[in-house]
Amino acid sequence: MSDEPSRCVRFFGGPLDGRVQEIGDAEPVPGTVIRHIHLHGGPKIETRYELGLTESGWEYRVATAQHEPEPDGLR
């Protein structure tokens, strides 16, 4: 068995929970945050996932909510 981490990443939590995705050719960077935006009949739902490397491989976990000001300064 290789000591090199798998080229796949698993999602934990949120709407992508359980999904497995291949990592592209670029070197993955722990701490990278991606956004998943779900559009449906109601309001837009945005979920952020943070990339990490564990003993079992790469994983995206739901990131803690960050309250960023809206572009017009309103929340």
N, C-alpha and C. Protein backbone atom coordinates (compact mmCIF):
# COMPACT_ATOMS: atom_id res chain seq x y z
N MET A 1 0.84 -1.18 0.00
CA MET A 1 0.00 0.00 0.00
C MET A 1 0.88 1.24 0.00
N SER A 2 0.49 2.25 -0.71
CA SER A 2 1.27 3.47 -0.87
C SER A 2 1.04 4.42 0.30
N ASP A 3 2.11 5.18 0.66
CA ASP A 3 1.98 6.21 1.69
C ASP A 3 1.37 7.47 1.11
N GLU A 4 1.22 7.53 -0.20
CA GLU A 4 0.68 8.71 -0.87
C GLU A 4 -0.84 8.77 -0.68
N PRO A 5 -1.39 9.96 -0.31
CA PRO A 5 -2.84 10.06 -0.13
C PRO A 5 -3.59 9.79 -1.44
N SER A 6 -4.81 9.30 -1.30
CA SER A 6 -5.68 9.04 -2.45
C SER A 6 -5.93 10.32 -3.23
N ARG A 7 -6.20 10.19 -4.51
CA ARG A 7 -6.51 11.35 -5.36
C ARG A 7 -8.00 11.63 -5.36
N CYS A 8 -8.71 11.15 -4.36
CA CYS A 8 -10.13 11.40 -4.21
C CYS A 8 -10.37 12.16 -2.91
N VAL A 9 -11.47 12.90 -2.88
CA VAL A 9 -11.85 13.64 -1.68
C VAL A 9 -13.31 13.30 -1.36
N ARG A 10 -13.60 13.13 -0.06
CA ARG A 10 -14.95 12.81 0.40
C ARG A 10 -15.53 14.03 1.10
N PHE A 11 -16.84 14.27 0.91
CA PHE A 11 -17.53 15.39 1.54
C PHE A 11 -18.25 14.92 2.79
N PHE A 12 -18.18 15.73 3.86
CA PHE A 12 -18.85 15.43 5.12
C PHE A 12 -19.74 16.60 5.51
N GLY A 13 -21.03 16.34 5.69
CA GLY A 13 -21.98 17.36 6.10
C GLY A 13 -22.58 18.10 4.91
N GLY A 14 -23.65 18.84 5.20
CA GLY A 14 -24.28 19.66 4.17
C GLY A 14 -24.90 18.84 3.06
N PRO A 15 -25.28 19.51 1.98
CA PRO A 15 -25.98 18.82 0.89
C PRO A 15 -25.10 17.85 0.09
N LEU A 16 -23.79 17.96 0.20
CA LEU A 16 -22.90 17.06 -0.55
C LEU A 16 -22.41 15.88 0.29
N ASP A 17 -22.96 15.70 1.49
CA ASP A 17 -22.52 14.65 2.40
C ASP A 17 -22.47 13.29 1.72
N GLY A 18 -21.33 12.63 1.84
CA GLY A 18 -21.15 11.30 1.27
C GLY A 18 -20.62 11.28 -0.15
N ARG A 19 -20.63 12.41 -0.83
CA ARG A 19 -20.14 12.47 -2.21
C ARG A 19 -18.63 12.28 -2.24
N VAL A 20 -18.14 11.58 -3.24
CA VAL A 20 -16.71 11.39 -3.45
C VAL A 20 -16.37 11.99 -4.81
N GLN A 21 -15.28 12.74 -4.85
CA GLN A 21 -14.89 13.44 -6.08
C GLN A 21 -13.39 13.29 -6.27
N GLU A 22 -12.97 13.15 -7.52
CA GLU A 22 -11.54 13.08 -7.81
C GLU A 22 -10.91 14.45 -7.67
N ILE A 23 -9.69 14.47 -7.18
CA ILE A 23 -8.93 15.71 -7.09
C ILE A 23 -8.23 15.89 -8.43
N GLY A 24 -8.26 17.09 -8.97
CA GLY A 24 -7.64 17.36 -10.26
C GLY A 24 -6.12 17.23 -10.21
N ASP A 25 -5.46 17.64 -11.28
CA ASP A 25 -4.02 17.54 -11.38
C ASP A 25 -3.28 18.50 -10.45
N ALA A 26 -3.93 19.62 -10.09
CA ALA A 26 -3.29 20.59 -9.20
C ALA A 26 -3.10 19.98 -7.81
N GLU A 27 -2.03 20.35 -7.14
CA GLU A 27 -1.76 19.85 -5.80
C GLU A 27 -2.79 20.41 -4.82
N PRO A 28 -3.52 19.54 -4.09
CA PRO A 28 -4.51 20.04 -3.13
C PRO A 28 -3.83 20.78 -1.98
N VAL A 29 -4.45 21.84 -1.49
CA VAL A 29 -3.90 22.66 -0.42
C VAL A 29 -4.85 22.61 0.78
N PRO A 30 -4.40 22.03 1.91
CA PRO A 30 -5.25 21.99 3.09
C PRO A 30 -5.69 23.41 3.48
N GLY A 31 -6.95 23.55 3.88
CA GLY A 31 -7.49 24.85 4.25
C GLY A 31 -8.22 25.54 3.13
N THR A 32 -8.12 25.01 1.90
CA THR A 32 -8.84 25.58 0.78
C THR A 32 -10.34 25.48 1.05
N VAL A 33 -11.07 26.56 0.79
CA VAL A 33 -12.52 26.58 1.01
C VAL A 33 -13.21 26.69 -0.35
N ILE A 34 -14.20 25.82 -0.55
CA ILE A 34 -15.03 25.90 -1.76
C ILE A 34 -16.46 26.19 -1.33
N ARG A 35 -17.22 26.76 -2.28
CA ARG A 35 -18.63 27.06 -2.02
C ARG A 35 -19.49 26.19 -2.91
N HIS A 36 -20.56 25.65 -2.34
CA HIS A 36 -21.57 24.92 -3.10
C HIS A 36 -22.83 25.77 -3.00
N ILE A 37 -23.38 26.18 -4.14
CA ILE A 37 -24.58 27.01 -4.15
C ILE A 37 -25.71 26.19 -4.75
N HIS A 38 -26.78 26.05 -3.97
CA HIS A 38 -27.96 25.29 -4.39
C HIS A 38 -29.07 26.27 -4.72
N LEU A 39 -29.50 26.24 -5.98
CA LEU A 39 -30.59 27.10 -6.42
C LEU A 39 -31.83 26.23 -6.61
N HIS A 40 -32.94 26.71 -6.12
CA HIS A 40 -34.20 25.98 -6.23
C HIS A 40 -35.32 27.01 -6.21
N GLY A 41 -36.55 26.59 -5.97
CA GLY A 41 -37.68 27.50 -5.97
C GLY A 41 -37.63 28.54 -4.87
N GLY A 42 -36.88 28.29 -3.81
CA GLY A 42 -36.79 29.22 -2.69
C GLY A 42 -35.51 30.03 -2.76
N PRO A 43 -35.04 30.49 -1.61
CA PRO A 43 -33.82 31.30 -1.59
C PRO A 43 -32.57 30.47 -1.90
N LYS A 44 -31.53 31.14 -2.34
CA LYS A 44 -30.25 30.50 -2.63
C LYS A 44 -29.66 29.97 -1.32
N ILE A 45 -29.16 28.75 -1.34
CA ILE A 45 -28.52 28.16 -0.17
C ILE A 45 -27.04 27.96 -0.50
N GLU A 46 -26.17 28.57 0.29
CA GLU A 46 -24.73 28.47 0.07
C GLU A 46 -24.10 27.70 1.22
N THR A 47 -23.31 26.68 0.88
CA THR A 47 -22.60 25.88 1.87
C THR A 47 -21.11 25.95 1.56
N ARG A 48 -20.30 26.19 2.57
CA ARG A 48 -18.84 26.24 2.38
C ARG A 48 -18.22 24.99 2.97
N TYR A 49 -17.25 24.44 2.24
CA TYR A 49 -16.53 23.25 2.67
C TYR A 49 -15.04 23.58 2.73
N GLU A 50 -14.38 23.08 3.78
CA GLU A 50 -12.94 23.31 3.93
C GLU A 50 -12.20 21.99 3.73
N LEU A 51 -11.13 22.03 2.92
CA LEU A 51 -10.35 20.85 2.58
C LEU A 51 -9.35 20.54 3.68
N GLY A 52 -9.24 19.27 4.03
CA GLY A 52 -8.27 18.84 5.03
C GLY A 52 -7.74 17.46 4.68
N LEU A 53 -6.57 17.14 5.21
CA LEU A 53 -5.97 15.82 5.01
C LEU A 53 -5.96 15.08 6.34
N THR A 54 -6.56 13.91 6.37
CA THR A 54 -6.60 13.09 7.58
C THR A 54 -5.86 11.79 7.30
N GLU A 55 -5.80 10.94 8.30
CA GLU A 55 -5.15 9.64 8.12
C GLU A 55 -5.86 8.80 7.07
N SER A 56 -7.15 9.04 6.89
CA SER A 56 -7.90 8.26 5.90
C SER A 56 -7.98 8.92 4.53
N GLY A 57 -7.38 10.10 4.37
CA GLY A 57 -7.33 10.74 3.06
C GLY A 57 -7.86 12.17 3.09
N TRP A 58 -8.06 12.72 1.90
CA TRP A 58 -8.55 14.08 1.75
C TRP A 58 -10.04 14.12 2.04
N GLU A 59 -10.48 15.20 2.70
CA GLU A 59 -11.91 15.37 2.94
C GLU A 59 -12.28 16.84 3.00
N TYR A 60 -13.51 17.11 2.53
CA TYR A 60 -14.10 18.44 2.65
C TYR A 60 -15.13 18.35 3.78
N ARG A 61 -15.00 19.20 4.78
CA ARG A 61 -15.97 19.28 5.87
C ARG A 61 -16.65 20.63 5.83
N VAL A 62 -17.92 20.65 6.23
CA VAL A 62 -18.66 21.91 6.25
C VAL A 62 -17.87 22.89 7.11
N ALA A 63 -17.59 24.06 6.54
CA ALA A 63 -16.83 25.10 7.24
C ALA A 63 -17.76 25.86 8.18
N THR A 64 -17.19 26.39 9.24
CA THR A 64 -17.99 27.19 10.17
C THR A 64 -18.49 28.43 9.44
N ALA A 65 -19.66 28.87 9.82
CA ALA A 65 -20.27 30.05 9.17
C ALA A 65 -19.45 31.30 9.48
N GLN A 66 -19.21 32.07 8.45
CA GLN A 66 -18.53 33.35 8.59
C GLN A 66 -19.50 34.42 8.14
N HIS A 67 -19.71 35.41 8.98
CA HIS A 67 -20.61 36.49 8.62
C HIS A 67 -19.83 37.57 7.91
N GLU A 68 -19.94 37.56 6.60
CA GLU A 68 -19.25 38.56 5.80
C GLU A 68 -20.25 39.64 5.44
N PRO A 69 -19.85 40.91 5.49
CA PRO A 69 -20.79 41.96 5.12
C PRO A 69 -21.19 41.85 3.65
N GLU A 70 -22.43 42.15 3.39
CA GLU A 70 -22.92 42.19 2.02
C GLU A 70 -22.24 43.35 1.30
N PRO A 71 -22.16 43.31 -0.03
CA PRO A 71 -21.49 44.38 -0.77
C PRO A 71 -22.02 45.78 -0.46
N ASP A 72 -23.31 45.89 -0.13
CA ASP A 72 -23.87 47.21 0.16
C ASP A 72 -23.80 47.56 1.65
N GLY A 73 -23.18 46.67 2.45
CA GLY A 73 -23.02 46.92 3.87
C GLY A 73 -24.16 46.40 4.73
N LEU A 74 -25.20 45.82 4.11
CA LEU A 74 -26.33 45.27 4.85
C LEU A 74 -26.11 43.81 5.13
N ARG A 75 -26.76 43.30 6.16
CA ARG A 75 -26.70 41.86 6.48
C ARG A 75 -28.03 41.24 6.22
